[in-house]
Protein backbone atom coordinates (compact mmCIF):
# COMPACT_ATOMS: atom_id res chain seq x y z
CA MET A 1 35.60 179.44 109.08
CA ASN A 2 36.49 178.30 105.59
CA TYR A 3 39.74 179.73 104.20
CA GLU A 4 39.85 180.69 100.54
CA PRO A 5 42.98 182.27 99.10
CA CYS A 6 42.54 185.83 97.93
CA LYS A 7 42.10 186.33 94.20
CA LEU A 8 44.28 188.78 92.31
CA ILE A 9 42.34 191.03 89.83
CA ALA A 10 44.22 192.93 87.23
CA GLU A 11 42.30 196.17 86.61
CA ALA A 12 42.31 196.79 82.86
CA CYS A 13 39.39 199.30 82.99
CA CYS A 14 39.95 201.67 79.99
CA ASN A 15 43.77 201.59 80.06
CA HIS A 16 43.60 199.89 76.68
CA GLN A 17 42.84 203.33 75.18
CA GLY A 18 40.10 201.79 73.01
CA ASP A 19 42.73 199.56 71.16
CA PHE A 20 41.57 196.04 71.06
CA ASN A 21 45.19 194.76 70.52
CA ILE A 22 46.30 196.66 73.67
CA ALA A 23 43.52 194.97 75.55
CA LYS A 24 44.73 191.60 74.44
CA GLU A 25 48.32 192.48 75.39
CA MET A 26 46.99 193.55 78.92
CA ILE A 27 45.32 190.09 79.20
CA LYS A 28 48.51 188.28 78.43
CA SER A 29 50.49 190.55 80.83
CA ALA A 30 47.97 189.91 83.59
CA GLU A 31 48.26 186.18 83.25
CA LEU A 32 51.96 186.30 83.14
CA ALA A 33 52.06 188.37 86.25
CA GLY A 34 49.96 185.66 88.09
CA ALA A 35 46.55 187.35 88.17
CA ASP A 36 43.48 185.17 88.58
CA TYR A 37 41.19 187.67 86.73
CA VAL A 38 41.42 190.63 84.28
CA LYS A 39 38.58 193.12 84.83
CA PHE A 40 37.35 195.50 82.10
CA GLN A 41 34.56 198.14 82.17
CA LYS A 42 31.36 198.42 80.06
CA ARG A 43 29.20 201.32 79.77
CA ASN A 44 26.64 202.77 77.44
CA PHE A 45 28.50 205.96 76.77
CA LYS A 46 25.36 207.92 75.79
CA GLU A 47 23.71 207.03 79.06
CA ALA A 48 26.92 207.19 81.23
CA VAL A 49 27.76 210.76 80.28
CA PRO A 50 25.37 213.42 81.53
CA LEU A 51 23.85 215.66 78.91
CA GLN A 52 25.46 218.86 80.35
CA VAL A 53 28.89 217.24 79.97
CA GLN A 54 28.58 215.52 76.58
CA THR A 55 29.63 218.52 74.42
CA LYS A 56 32.32 219.77 76.79
CA PRO A 57 36.01 218.93 76.48
CA HIS A 58 37.53 216.36 78.72
CA PRO A 59 38.59 218.03 82.09
CA ASN A 60 42.09 216.89 81.65
CA PRO A 61 42.85 217.30 77.91
CA ILE A 62 46.04 215.36 78.05
CA ASN A 63 43.97 212.26 78.81
CA SER A 64 41.37 212.85 76.22
CA PHE A 65 40.58 210.64 73.17
CA GLY A 66 38.12 213.00 71.66
CA LYS A 67 37.20 216.68 71.23
CA THR A 68 34.18 216.25 73.55
CA TYR A 69 33.80 214.18 76.62
CA LEU A 70 31.18 212.05 74.85
CA GLU A 71 33.57 211.42 72.01
CA HIS A 72 36.23 210.52 74.42
CA ARG A 73 34.01 207.93 76.29
CA LYS A 74 32.85 206.50 72.89
CA LYS A 75 36.52 205.92 71.78
CA LEU A 76 37.18 203.89 75.02
CA GLU A 77 34.21 201.60 74.81
CA PHE A 78 34.15 198.11 73.51
CA THR A 79 30.96 196.50 72.05
CA LEU A 80 29.36 193.45 73.50
CA GLU A 81 30.88 191.42 70.61
CA GLN A 82 34.31 192.75 71.53
CA HIS A 83 33.70 191.76 75.24
CA LYS A 84 32.74 188.27 74.07
CA GLU A 85 36.05 188.09 72.28
CA LEU A 86 37.94 189.43 75.27
CA LYS A 87 36.34 186.76 77.46
CA LYS A 88 37.23 184.03 74.93
CA TYR A 89 40.75 185.34 74.61
CA CYS A 90 41.08 185.29 78.46
CA GLU A 91 39.98 181.61 78.42
CA ASP A 92 42.56 180.85 75.69
CA VAL A 93 45.29 182.53 77.71
CA GLY A 94 44.40 180.94 81.08
CA ILE A 95 43.02 183.83 82.97
CA LYS A 96 39.41 184.63 83.98
CA TYR A 97 37.39 187.60 82.66
CA SER A 98 35.26 189.95 84.66
CA CYS A 99 33.74 193.50 84.15
CA SER A 100 32.50 196.55 85.90
CA VAL A 101 29.15 197.82 84.67
CA TRP A 102 28.09 201.49 84.65
CA ASP A 103 24.46 201.15 83.54
CA GLU A 104 21.50 198.79 83.09
CA ASP A 105 22.10 197.98 79.38
CA SER A 106 25.79 197.15 80.13
CA ALA A 107 24.71 195.06 83.14
CA ARG A 108 22.48 192.91 80.89
CA ASP A 109 25.11 192.73 78.28
CA ILE A 110 27.75 191.41 80.74
CA ILE A 111 25.26 189.16 82.49
CA SER A 112 24.81 187.45 79.05
CA LEU A 113 28.62 186.63 79.22
CA ASP A 114 28.24 184.82 82.54
CA PRO A 115 31.50 185.90 84.17
CA ASP A 116 32.35 184.71 87.72
CA PHE A 117 31.59 188.08 89.06
CA ILE A 118 30.39 191.45 88.01
CA LYS A 119 31.65 194.66 89.70
CA VAL A 120 29.72 197.82 90.50
CA PRO A 121 32.11 200.92 90.36
CA SER A 122 32.07 203.45 93.13
CA ALA A 123 30.26 205.96 91.02
CA MET A 124 27.34 203.51 90.56
CA ASN A 125 27.13 201.99 94.18
CA GLU A 126 23.97 204.10 94.81
CA ASN A 127 22.33 203.14 91.50
CA TYR A 128 19.59 200.88 92.89
CA PRO A 129 17.92 200.02 89.57
CA LEU A 130 21.32 198.77 88.44
CA LEU A 131 21.74 196.75 91.61
CA ASP A 132 18.14 195.37 91.25
CA ILE A 133 19.04 194.03 87.80
CA LEU A 134 22.22 192.39 88.97
CA PHE A 135 20.57 190.69 91.98
CA LYS A 136 17.44 189.64 90.02
CA GLU A 137 18.97 188.58 86.62
CA TYR A 138 22.47 187.34 87.71
CA ASP A 139 23.14 184.50 90.05
CA LYS A 140 26.75 184.97 90.80
CA ASP A 141 28.82 187.22 93.01
CA ILE A 142 28.43 190.99 92.77
CA HIS A 143 31.45 193.09 93.89
CA ILE A 144 30.70 196.69 95.03
CA SER A 145 33.17 199.46 95.52
CA LEU A 146 32.49 201.73 98.42
CA GLY A 147 34.33 204.87 97.23
CA MET A 148 32.59 208.16 96.50
CA ILE A 149 29.80 207.51 99.00
CA THR A 150 28.70 209.20 102.20
CA GLN A 151 28.38 207.31 105.49
CA LYS A 152 24.62 207.77 105.35
CA ALA A 153 24.51 206.44 101.76
CA LYS A 154 26.80 203.48 102.77
CA GLU A 155 24.28 202.60 105.65
CA ASP A 156 21.45 202.72 103.20
CA LEU A 157 23.39 200.53 100.84
CA PHE A 158 24.02 198.00 103.60
CA ASP A 159 20.30 198.02 104.44
CA TYR A 160 19.60 197.27 100.81
CA LEU A 161 22.10 194.40 100.84
CA ARG A 162 20.66 192.63 103.90
CA GLY A 163 19.87 189.11 103.00
CA LYS A 164 22.13 189.23 99.97
CA GLU A 165 25.47 189.02 101.87
CA ASP A 166 26.41 185.67 100.53
CA ARG A 167 26.68 187.07 97.06
CA VAL A 168 28.45 190.38 97.82
CA VAL A 169 32.10 191.29 98.01
CA MET A 170 32.66 194.90 99.23
CA TYR A 171 35.69 196.90 98.30
CA HIS A 172 37.03 199.63 100.47
CA THR A 173 38.22 202.17 97.98
CA THR A 174 39.29 205.80 97.63
CA SER A 175 36.68 208.49 97.51
CA GLY A 176 38.11 210.72 94.82
CA TYR A 177 39.75 210.58 91.59
CA PRO A 178 42.49 211.53 91.31
CA VAL A 179 43.31 211.57 94.97
CA LYS A 180 45.36 214.51 96.18
CA PHE A 181 48.68 213.75 97.74
């Protein structure tokens, strides 16, 4: 068995609040803390927010960045050009860049940046068209969170992943957000 040290991934997600300067500060902080990677998120906010939710307010108004949930998601998203800049800034600072993708457009965008790995968030681990794109159009590791999934769906996912194990890293994650005490 070959031993590889674990990699420390700093989860930036949307904690930058849509502010590019905060995102850059997070990158610097992650590098200073000794992380190997900093991971962001990319989604097409129009596709990622279901129609029935788009015009409703954020379920937790104190965390909202817009009057509607669609406006909130739009405020938090960076463009592909901004992700390119973040990746370059990571390289300049001395940390590696990665990203979770929430939809097919975002997958292709992030594939174009050629990070060491791309992550599939818990909410998308049953999105087989998204997984197909990643496995067919990207030749590096794919990390998949196993939260928010039933045992049966997990077994179906494992069946789908047969023969692809050498490119997959599975994350055991919580099943709900926020998790009750």
